[in-house]
């Protein structure tokens, strides 16, 4: 079904403006949709505040990073350096 406007026009989005801003910043469609919908549901000031505490990836061991990549069903991470693995995880 054709849509009017840009190719990223998603009618199921609850905050189209925030979605477009996030896409322009380079976020994936899925990530932008999750963030914009969470913001609309909770109010923008509360997005990302729930949840537990986790140390920065730089504090994780390579084995822990590889396990996280496995949990996310990522591929091509087994031979990466720690810095490259962190980049891959952050950009997944």
C-alpha atoms as a PDB file:
ATOM      1  CA  UNK A   1       0.000   0.000   0.000  1.00  0.00           C
ATOM      2  CA  UNK A   2       1.570   3.350  -1.003  1.00  0.00           C
ATOM      3  CA  UNK A   3       2.152   5.927   1.667  1.00  0.00           C
ATOM      4  CA  UNK A   4       2.328   9.669   1.364  1.00  0.00           C
ATOM      5  CA  UNK A   5       5.463  11.435   2.480  1.00  0.00           C
ATOM      6  CA  UNK A   6       8.834   9.796   3.132  1.00  0.00           C
ATOM      7  CA  UNK A   7       9.610   6.128   2.849  1.00  0.00           C
ATOM      8  CA  UNK A   8       9.878   5.884   6.643  1.00  0.00           C
ATOM      9  CA  UNK A   9       6.249   6.929   7.218  1.00  0.00           C
ATOM     10  CA  UNK A  10       4.968   4.340   9.690  1.00  0.00           C
ATOM     11  CA  UNK A  11       1.294   4.675  10.666  1.00  0.00           C
ATOM     12  CA  UNK A  12       1.699   2.446  13.746  1.00  0.00           C
ATOM     13  CA  UNK A  13       4.120   4.941  15.296  1.00  0.00           C
ATOM     14  CA  UNK A  14       2.832   6.930  18.232  1.00  0.00           C
ATOM     15  CA  UNK A  15       5.339   9.795  17.882  1.00  0.00           C
ATOM     16  CA  UNK A  16       6.190  10.284  14.210  1.00  0.00           C
ATOM     17  CA  UNK A  17       8.250  13.443  14.813  1.00  0.00           C
ATOM     18  CA  UNK A  18      10.554  11.751  17.330  1.00  0.00           C
ATOM     19  CA  UNK A  19      10.859   8.737  15.013  1.00  0.00           C
ATOM     20  CA  UNK A  20      11.968  10.976  12.128  1.00  0.00           C
ATOM     21  CA  UNK A  21      14.483  12.778  14.366  1.00  0.00           C
ATOM     22  CA  UNK A  22      15.963   9.466  15.523  1.00  0.00           C
ATOM     23  CA  UNK A  23      16.198   8.189  11.926  1.00  0.00           C
ATOM     24  CA  UNK A  24      18.000  11.392  10.899  1.00  0.00           C
ATOM     25  CA  UNK A  25      20.475  10.762  13.733  1.00  0.00           C
ATOM     26  CA  UNK A  26      21.276   7.402  12.156  1.00  0.00           C
ATOM     27  CA  UNK A  27      19.211   5.038  14.300  1.00  0.00           C
ATOM     28  CA  UNK A  28      17.745   1.948  12.656  1.00  0.00           C
ATOM     29  CA  UNK A  29      14.038   1.893  11.836  1.00  0.00           C
ATOM     30  CA  UNK A  30      13.381  -0.666  14.580  1.00  0.00           C
ATOM     31  CA  UNK A  31      15.309   1.233  17.243  1.00  0.00           C
ATOM     32  CA  UNK A  32      13.725   4.555  16.301  1.00  0.00           C
ATOM     33  CA  UNK A  33      10.254   2.978  16.441  1.00  0.00           C
ATOM     34  CA  UNK A  34      10.899   1.401  19.852  1.00  0.00           C
ATOM     35  CA  UNK A  35      12.194   4.650  21.335  1.00  0.00           C
ATOM     36  CA  UNK A  36       9.473   6.850  19.848  1.00  0.00           C
ATOM     37  CA  UNK A  37       6.690   4.498  20.961  1.00  0.00           C
ATOM     38  CA  UNK A  38       8.178   4.194  24.456  1.00  0.00           C
ATOM     39  CA  UNK A  39       8.395   7.982  24.660  1.00  0.00           C
ATOM     40  CA  UNK A  40       4.769   8.342  23.641  1.00  0.00           C
ATOM     41  CA  UNK A  41       3.656   5.719  26.176  1.00  0.00           C
ATOM     42  CA  UNK A  42       5.665   6.983  29.158  1.00  0.00           C
ATOM     43  CA  UNK A  43       6.412  10.589  28.379  1.00  0.00           C
ATOM     44  CA  UNK A  44       9.750  11.564  26.904  1.00  0.00           C
ATOM     45  CA  UNK A  45      11.422  12.376  30.213  1.00  0.00           C
ATOM     46  CA  UNK A  46      11.014   8.790  31.441  1.00  0.00           C
ATOM     47  CA  UNK A  47      12.329   6.900  28.401  1.00  0.00           C
ATOM     48  CA  UNK A  48      15.320   4.790  29.329  1.00  0.00           C
ATOM     49  CA  UNK A  49      15.008   5.321  33.062  1.00  0.00           C
ATOM     50  CA  UNK A  50      13.416   2.014  33.970  1.00  0.00           C
ATOM     51  CA  UNK A  51      15.525  -1.093  34.002  1.00  0.00           C
ATOM     52  CA  UNK A  52      18.583  -2.259  35.811  1.00  0.00           C
ATOM     53  CA  UNK A  53      22.116  -1.077  36.084  1.00  0.00           C
ATOM     54  CA  UNK A  54      24.732  -2.556  33.809  1.00  0.00           C
ATOM     55  CA  UNK A  55      28.382  -1.596  33.495  1.00  0.00           C
ATOM     56  CA  UNK A  56      29.605  -0.067  30.249  1.00  0.00           C
ATOM     57  CA  UNK A  57      30.713  -2.574  27.619  1.00  0.00           C
ATOM     58  CA  UNK A  58      34.304  -1.381  28.143  1.00  0.00           C
ATOM     59  CA  UNK A  59      34.182  -2.989  31.589  1.00  0.00           C
ATOM     60  CA  UNK A  60      33.030  -6.373  30.218  1.00  0.00           C
ATOM     61  CA  UNK A  61      35.434  -9.160  29.339  1.00  0.00           C
ATOM     62  CA  UNK A  62      35.722 -10.330  25.737  1.00  0.00           C
ATOM     63  CA  UNK A  63      34.004 -13.585  26.721  1.00  0.00           C
ATOM     64  CA  UNK A  64      31.094 -11.641  28.252  1.00  0.00           C
ATOM     65  CA  UNK A  65      30.814  -9.509  25.100  1.00  0.00           C
ATOM     66  CA  UNK A  66      30.796 -12.598  22.897  1.00  0.00           C
ATOM     67  CA  UNK A  67      28.103 -14.175  25.061  1.00  0.00           C
ATOM     68  CA  UNK A  68      25.990 -11.033  24.702  1.00  0.00           C
ATOM     69  CA  UNK A  69      26.460 -11.108  20.925  1.00  0.00           C
ATOM     70  CA  UNK A  70      25.341 -14.747  20.958  1.00  0.00           C
ATOM     71  CA  UNK A  71      22.242 -13.843  23.022  1.00  0.00           C
ATOM     72  CA  UNK A  72      21.379 -11.230  20.382  1.00  0.00           C
ATOM     73  CA  UNK A  73      21.779 -13.857  17.625  1.00  0.00           C
ATOM     74  CA  UNK A  74      24.538 -11.847  15.997  1.00  0.00           C
ATOM     75  CA  UNK A  75      26.957 -13.375  13.518  1.00  0.00           C
ATOM     76  CA  UNK A  76      30.597 -12.728  12.635  1.00  0.00           C
ATOM     77  CA  UNK A  77      31.749 -11.656  16.080  1.00  0.00           C
ATOM     78  CA  UNK A  78      34.035 -14.519  17.137  1.00  0.00           C
ATOM     79  CA  UNK A  79      37.246 -13.073  15.643  1.00  0.00           C
ATOM     80  CA  UNK A  80      36.615  -9.425  16.498  1.00  0.00           C
ATOM     81  CA  UNK A  81      38.783  -7.421  18.854  1.00  0.00           C
ATOM     82  CA  UNK A  82      37.182  -6.110  22.034  1.00  0.00           C
ATOM     83  CA  UNK A  83      36.763  -2.594  20.573  1.00  0.00           C
ATOM     84  CA  UNK A  84      35.266  -3.931  17.328  1.00  0.00           C
ATOM     85  CA  UNK A  85      32.943  -6.223  19.270  1.00  0.00           C
ATOM     86  CA  UNK A  86      31.741  -3.288  21.395  1.00  0.00           C
ATOM     87  CA  UNK A  87      31.072  -1.277  18.222  1.00  0.00           C
ATOM     88  CA  UNK A  88      29.142  -4.181  16.699  1.00  0.00           C
ATOM     89  CA  UNK A  89      27.026  -4.598  19.840  1.00  0.00           C
ATOM     90  CA  UNK A  90      26.258  -0.885  20.059  1.00  0.00           C
ATOM     91  CA  UNK A  91      25.250  -0.684  16.424  1.00  0.00           C
ATOM     92  CA  UNK A  92      23.147  -3.840  16.396  1.00  0.00           C
END
